Amino acid sequence: MRCGSKCFVVEMEIQGEKKRESIIARTPVDARKTVRIEYGAEAHILSVREEKKR
């Protein structure tokens, strides 16, 4: 975990199946990059939102 990182909830669609995953990253752009590296080009990212602390 890097300094200044937050938790983002990424909603994506992979092979017609919707999936929601928490990603730890500094910015929403880094979260998208992490998803693309992990799942490849077939992952269609629907939204990236910062997870609010309770």
PDB file of N, CA and C in Angstrom:
ATOM      1  N   MET A   1       0.843  -1.169   0.000  1.00  0.00           N
ATOM      2  CA  MET A   1       0.000   0.000   0.000  1.00  0.00           C
ATOM      3  C   MET A   1       0.890   1.233   0.000  1.00  0.00           C
ATOM      4  N   ARG A   2       0.567   2.161  -0.884  1.00  0.00           N
ATOM      5  CA  ARG A   2       1.391   3.352  -1.016  1.00  0.00           C
ATOM      6  C   ARG A   2       0.798   4.508  -0.225  1.00  0.00           C
ATOM      7  N   CYS A   3       1.602   5.483   0.039  1.00  0.00           N
ATOM      8  CA  CYS A   3       1.160   6.673   0.759  1.00  0.00           C
ATOM      9  C   CYS A   3       0.088   7.397  -0.057  1.00  0.00           C
ATOM     10  N   GLY A   4      -0.989   7.786   0.590  1.00  0.00           N
ATOM     11  CA  GLY A   4      -2.051   8.517  -0.082  1.00  0.00           C
ATOM     12  C   GLY A   4      -3.034   7.637  -0.828  1.00  0.00           C
ATOM     13  N   SER A   5      -2.970   6.322  -0.639  1.00  0.00           N
ATOM     14  CA  SER A   5      -3.887   5.451  -1.375  1.00  0.00           C
ATOM     15  C   SER A   5      -5.242   5.361  -0.676  1.00  0.00           C
ATOM     16  N   LYS A   6      -6.268   5.129  -1.492  1.00  0.00           N
ATOM     17  CA  LYS A   6      -7.644   5.033  -1.028  1.00  0.00           C
ATOM     18  C   LYS A   6      -8.236   3.749  -1.583  1.00  0.00           C
ATOM     19  N   CYS A   7      -9.430   3.434  -1.144  1.00  0.00           N
ATOM     20  CA  CYS A   7     -10.122   2.250  -1.642  1.00  0.00           C
ATOM     21  C   CYS A   7     -11.199   2.689  -2.627  1.00  0.00           C
ATOM     22  N   PHE A   8     -11.180   2.104  -3.820  1.00  0.00           N
ATOM     23  CA  PHE A   8     -12.157   2.414  -4.854  1.00  0.00           C
ATOM     24  C   PHE A   8     -12.970   1.167  -5.168  1.00  0.00           C
ATOM     25  N   VAL A   9     -14.270   1.370  -5.410  1.00  0.00           N
ATOM     26  CA  VAL A   9     -15.142   0.276  -5.837  1.00  0.00           C
ATOM     27  C   VAL A   9     -15.289   0.388  -7.343  1.00  0.00           C
ATOM     28  N   VAL A  10     -14.877  -0.657  -8.046  1.00  0.00           N
ATOM     29  CA  VAL A  10     -14.910  -0.672  -9.505  1.00  0.00           C
ATOM     30  C   VAL A  10     -16.006  -1.640  -9.956  1.00  0.00           C
ATOM     31  N   GLU A  11     -16.942  -1.127 -10.750  1.00  0.00           N
ATOM     32  CA  GLU A  11     -17.963  -1.975 -11.354  1.00  0.00           C
ATOM     33  C   GLU A  11     -17.548  -2.228 -12.792  1.00  0.00           C
ATOM     34  N   MET A  12     -17.519  -3.512 -13.176  1.00  0.00           N
ATOM     35  CA  MET A  12     -17.070  -3.869 -14.517  1.00  0.00           C
ATOM     36  C   MET A  12     -17.922  -4.996 -15.074  1.00  0.00           C
ATOM     37  N   GLU A  13     -17.832  -5.161 -16.372  1.00  0.00           N
ATOM     38  CA  GLU A  13     -18.528  -6.250 -17.042  1.00  0.00           C
ATOM     39  C   GLU A  13     -17.491  -7.087 -17.772  1.00  0.00           C
ATOM     40  N   ILE A  14     -17.463  -8.376 -17.432  1.00  0.00           N
ATOM     41  CA  ILE A  14     -16.505  -9.296 -18.042  1.00  0.00           C
ATOM     42  C   ILE A  14     -17.289 -10.452 -18.649  1.00  0.00           C
ATOM     43  N   GLN A  15     -17.212 -10.595 -19.948  1.00  0.00           N
ATOM     44  CA  GLN A  15     -17.888 -11.660 -20.691  1.00  0.00           C
ATOM     45  C   GLN A  15     -19.381 -11.704 -20.366  1.00  0.00           C
ATOM     46  N   GLY A  16     -20.023 -10.547 -20.346  1.00  0.00           N
ATOM     47  CA  GLY A  16     -21.456 -10.458 -20.102  1.00  0.00           C
ATOM     48  C   GLY A  16     -21.870 -10.593 -18.651  1.00  0.00           C
ATOM     49  N   GLU A  17     -20.920 -10.671 -17.735  1.00  0.00           N
ATOM     50  CA  GLU A  17     -21.200 -10.846 -16.317  1.00  0.00           C
ATOM     51  C   GLU A  17     -20.717  -9.613 -15.555  1.00  0.00           C
ATOM     52  N   LYS A  18     -21.619  -8.984 -14.786  1.00  0.00           N
ATOM     53  CA  LYS A  18     -21.242  -7.802 -14.013  1.00  0.00           C
ATOM     54  C   LYS A  18     -20.531  -8.231 -12.738  1.00  0.00           C
ATOM     55  N   LYS A  19     -19.496  -7.473 -12.408  1.00  0.00           N
ATOM     56  CA  LYS A  19     -18.677  -7.794 -11.238  1.00  0.00           C
ATOM     57  C   LYS A  19     -18.324  -6.506 -10.524  1.00  0.00           C
ATOM     58  N   ARG A  20     -18.242  -6.548  -9.197  1.00  0.00           N
ATOM     59  CA  ARG A  20     -17.876  -5.396  -8.382  1.00  0.00           C
ATOM     60  C   ARG A  20     -16.681  -5.804  -7.517  1.00  0.00           C
ATOM     61  N   GLU A  21     -15.651  -4.959  -7.523  1.00  0.00           N
ATOM     62  CA  GLU A  21     -14.426  -5.300  -6.790  1.00  0.00           C
ATOM     63  C   GLU A  21     -13.832  -4.056  -6.144  1.00  0.00           C
ATOM     64  N   SER A  22     -13.248  -4.228  -4.965  1.00  0.00           N
ATOM     65  CA  SER A  22     -12.550  -3.139  -4.284  1.00  0.00           C
ATOM     66  C   SER A  22     -11.088  -3.149  -4.697  1.00  0.00           C
ATOM     67  N   ILE A  23     -10.588  -1.972  -5.069  1.00  0.00           N
ATOM     68  CA  ILE A  23      -9.204  -1.816  -5.519  1.00  0.00           C
ATOM     69  C   ILE A  23      -8.560  -0.722  -4.666  1.00  0.00           C
ATOM     70  N   ILE A  24      -7.349  -0.966  -4.215  1.00  0.00           N
ATOM     71  CA  ILE A  24      -6.604   0.043  -3.467  1.00  0.00           C
ATOM     72  C   ILE A  24      -5.681   0.759  -4.442  1.00  0.00           C
ATOM     73  N   ALA A  25      -5.889   2.087  -4.563  1.00  0.00           N
ATOM     74  CA  ALA A  25      -5.103   2.886  -5.499  1.00  0.00           C
ATOM     75  C   ALA A  25      -5.098   4.337  -5.034  1.00  0.00           C
ATOM     76  N   ARG A  26      -4.234   5.142  -5.632  1.00  0.00           N
ATOM     77  CA  ARG A  26      -4.175   6.564  -5.282  1.00  0.00           C
ATOM     78  C   ARG A  26      -5.279   7.368  -5.950  1.00  0.00           C
ATOM     79  N   THR A  27      -5.550   7.073  -7.207  1.00  0.00           N
ATOM     80  CA  THR A  27      -6.529   7.831  -7.981  1.00  0.00           C
ATOM     81  C   THR A  27      -7.446   6.869  -8.727  1.00  0.00           C
ATOM     82  N   PRO A  28      -8.594   7.362  -9.214  1.00  0.00           N
ATOM     83  CA  PRO A  28      -9.458   6.503 -10.031  1.00  0.00           C
ATOM     84  C   PRO A  28      -8.761   5.992 -11.291  1.00  0.00           C
ATOM     85  N   VAL A  29      -7.865   6.779 -11.839  1.00  0.00           N
ATOM     86  CA  VAL A  29      -7.117   6.355 -13.024  1.00  0.00           C
ATOM     87  C   VAL A  29      -6.228   5.155 -12.688  1.00  0.00           C
ATOM     88  N   ASP A  30      -5.576   5.181 -11.530  1.00  0.00           N
ATOM     89  CA  ASP A  30      -4.756   4.045 -11.108  1.00  0.00           C
ATOM     90  C   ASP A  30      -5.616   2.801 -10.867  1.00  0.00           C
ATOM     91  N   ALA A  31      -6.824   2.998 -10.351  1.00  0.00           N
ATOM     92  CA  ALA A  31      -7.732   1.870 -10.128  1.00  0.00           C
ATOM     93  C   ALA A  31      -8.115   1.229 -11.461  1.00  0.00           C
ATOM     94  N   ARG A  32      -8.422   2.048 -12.469  1.00  0.00           N
ATOM     95  CA  ARG A  32      -8.749   1.533 -13.798  1.00  0.00           C
ATOM     96  C   ARG A  32      -7.562   0.776 -14.400  1.00  0.00           C
ATOM     97  N   LYS A  33      -6.376   1.338 -14.212  1.00  0.00           N
ATOM     98  CA  LYS A  33      -5.154   0.719 -14.739  1.00  0.00           C
ATOM     99  C   LYS A  33      -4.927  -0.650 -14.097  1.00  0.00           C
ATOM    100  N   THR A  34      -5.165  -0.754 -12.800  1.00  0.00           N
ATOM    101  CA  THR A  34      -4.998  -2.009 -12.082  1.00  0.00           C
ATOM    102  C   THR A  34      -5.965  -3.069 -12.604  1.00  0.00           C
ATOM    103  N   VAL A  35      -7.212  -2.665 -12.852  1.00  0.00           N
ATOM    104  CA  VAL A  35      -8.211  -3.598 -13.377  1.00  0.00           C
ATOM    105  C   VAL A  35      -7.815  -4.074 -14.765  1.00  0.00           C
ATOM    106  N   ARG A  36      -7.362  -3.172 -15.612  1.00  0.00           N
ATOM    107  CA  ARG A  36      -6.972  -3.558 -16.974  1.00  0.00           C
ATOM    108  C   ARG A  36      -5.777  -4.504 -16.977  1.00  0.00           C
ATOM    109  N   ILE A  37      -4.837  -4.284 -16.067  1.00  0.00           N
ATOM    110  CA  ILE A  37      -3.679  -5.179 -15.974  1.00  0.00           C
ATOM    111  C   ILE A  37      -4.120  -6.563 -15.503  1.00  0.00           C
ATOM    112  N   GLU A  38      -5.020  -6.598 -14.526  1.00  0.00           N
ATOM    113  CA  GLU A  38      -5.447  -7.867 -13.938  1.00  0.00           C
ATOM    114  C   GLU A  38      -6.370  -8.666 -14.866  1.00  0.00           C
ATOM    115  N   TYR A  39      -7.340  -8.000 -15.508  1.00  0.00           N
ATOM    116  CA  TYR A  39      -8.349  -8.701 -16.292  1.00  0.00           C
ATOM    117  C   TYR A  39      -8.160  -8.589 -17.804  1.00  0.00           C
ATOM    118  N   GLY A  40      -7.324  -7.702 -18.258  1.00  0.00           N
ATOM    119  CA  GLY A  40      -7.062  -7.579 -19.685  1.00  0.00           C
ATOM    120  C   GLY A  40      -8.080  -6.708 -20.393  1.00  0.00           C
ATOM    121  N   ALA A  41      -8.068  -6.774 -21.704  1.00  0.00           N
ATOM    122  CA  ALA A  41      -8.892  -5.893 -22.527  1.00  0.00           C
ATOM    123  C   ALA A  41     -10.369  -6.277 -22.518  1.00  0.00           C
ATOM    124  N   GLU A  42     -10.705  -7.517 -22.135  1.00  0.00           N
ATOM    125  CA  GLU A  42     -12.105  -7.926 -22.156  1.00  0.00           C
ATOM    126  C   GLU A  42     -12.937  -7.311 -21.038  1.00  0.00           C
ATOM    127  N   ALA A  43     -12.299  -6.695 -20.048  1.00  0.00           N
ATOM    128  CA  ALA A  43     -13.023  -6.051 -18.949  1.00  0.00           C
ATOM    129  C   ALA A  43     -13.507  -4.672 -19.389  1.00  0.00           C
ATOM    130  N   HIS A  44     -14.820  -4.489 -19.379  1.00  0.00           N
ATOM    131  CA  HIS A  44     -15.426  -3.202 -19.709  1.00  0.00           C
ATOM    132  C   HIS A  44     -15.780  -2.518 -18.397  1.00  0.00           C
ATOM    133  N   ILE A  45     -15.078  -1.426 -18.050  1.00  0.00           N
ATOM    134  CA  ILE A  45     -15.266  -0.746 -16.766  1.00  0.00           C
ATOM    135  C   ILE A  45     -16.477   0.165 -16.862  1.00  0.00           C
ATOM    136  N   LEU A  46     -17.446  -0.059 -15.966  1.00  0.00           N
ATOM    137  CA  LEU A  46     -18.675   0.725 -15.955  1.00  0.00           C
ATOM    138  C   LEU A  46     -18.544   1.961 -15.075  1.00  0.00           C
ATOM    139  N   SER A  47     -17.976   1.811 -13.864  1.00  0.00           N
ATOM    140  CA  SER A  47     -17.805   2.965 -12.983  1.00  0.00           C
ATOM    141  C   SER A  47     -16.693   2.714 -11.975  1.00  0.00           C
ATOM    142  N   VAL A  48     -16.123   3.818 -11.497  1.00  0.00           N
ATOM    143  CA  VAL A  48     -15.102   3.785 -10.445  1.00  0.00           C
ATOM    144  C   VAL A  48     -15.492   4.843  -9.423  1.00  0.00           C
ATOM    145  N   ARG A  49     -15.753   4.403  -8.196  1.00  0.00           N
ATOM    146  CA  ARG A  49     -16.153   5.333  -7.136  1.00  0.00           C
ATOM    147  C   ARG A  49     -15.313   5.108  -5.897  1.00  0.00           C
ATOM    148  N   GLU A  50     -15.033   6.193  -5.194  1.00  0.00           N
ATOM    149  CA  GLU A  50     -14.286   6.078  -3.945  1.00  0.00           C
ATOM    150  C   GLU A  50     -15.196   5.495  -2.875  1.00  0.00           C
ATOM    151  N   GLU A  51     -14.680   4.516  -2.148  1.00  0.00           N
ATOM    152  CA  GLU A  51     -15.450   3.905  -1.075  1.00  0.00           C
ATOM    153  C   GLU A  51     -15.442   4.822   0.130  1.00  0.00           C
ATOM    154  N   LYS A  52     -16.608   5.152   0.607  1.00  0.00           N
ATOM    155  CA  LYS A  52     -16.726   6.056   1.753  1.00  0.00           C
ATOM    156  C   LYS A  52     -16.466   5.305   3.046  1.00  0.00           C
ATOM    157  N   LYS A  53     -15.755   5.943   3.963  1.00  0.00           N
ATOM    158  CA  LYS A  53     -15.487   5.336   5.266  1.00  0.00           C
ATOM    159  C   LYS A  53     -16.721   5.486   6.143  1.00  0.00           C
ATOM    160  N   ARG A  54     -16.994   4.482   6.930  1.00  0.00           N
ATOM    161  CA  ARG A  54     -18.183   4.473   7.782  1.00  0.00           C
ATOM    162  C   ARG A  54     -17.893   4.941   9.162  1.00  0.00           C
TER     163      ARG A  54
END
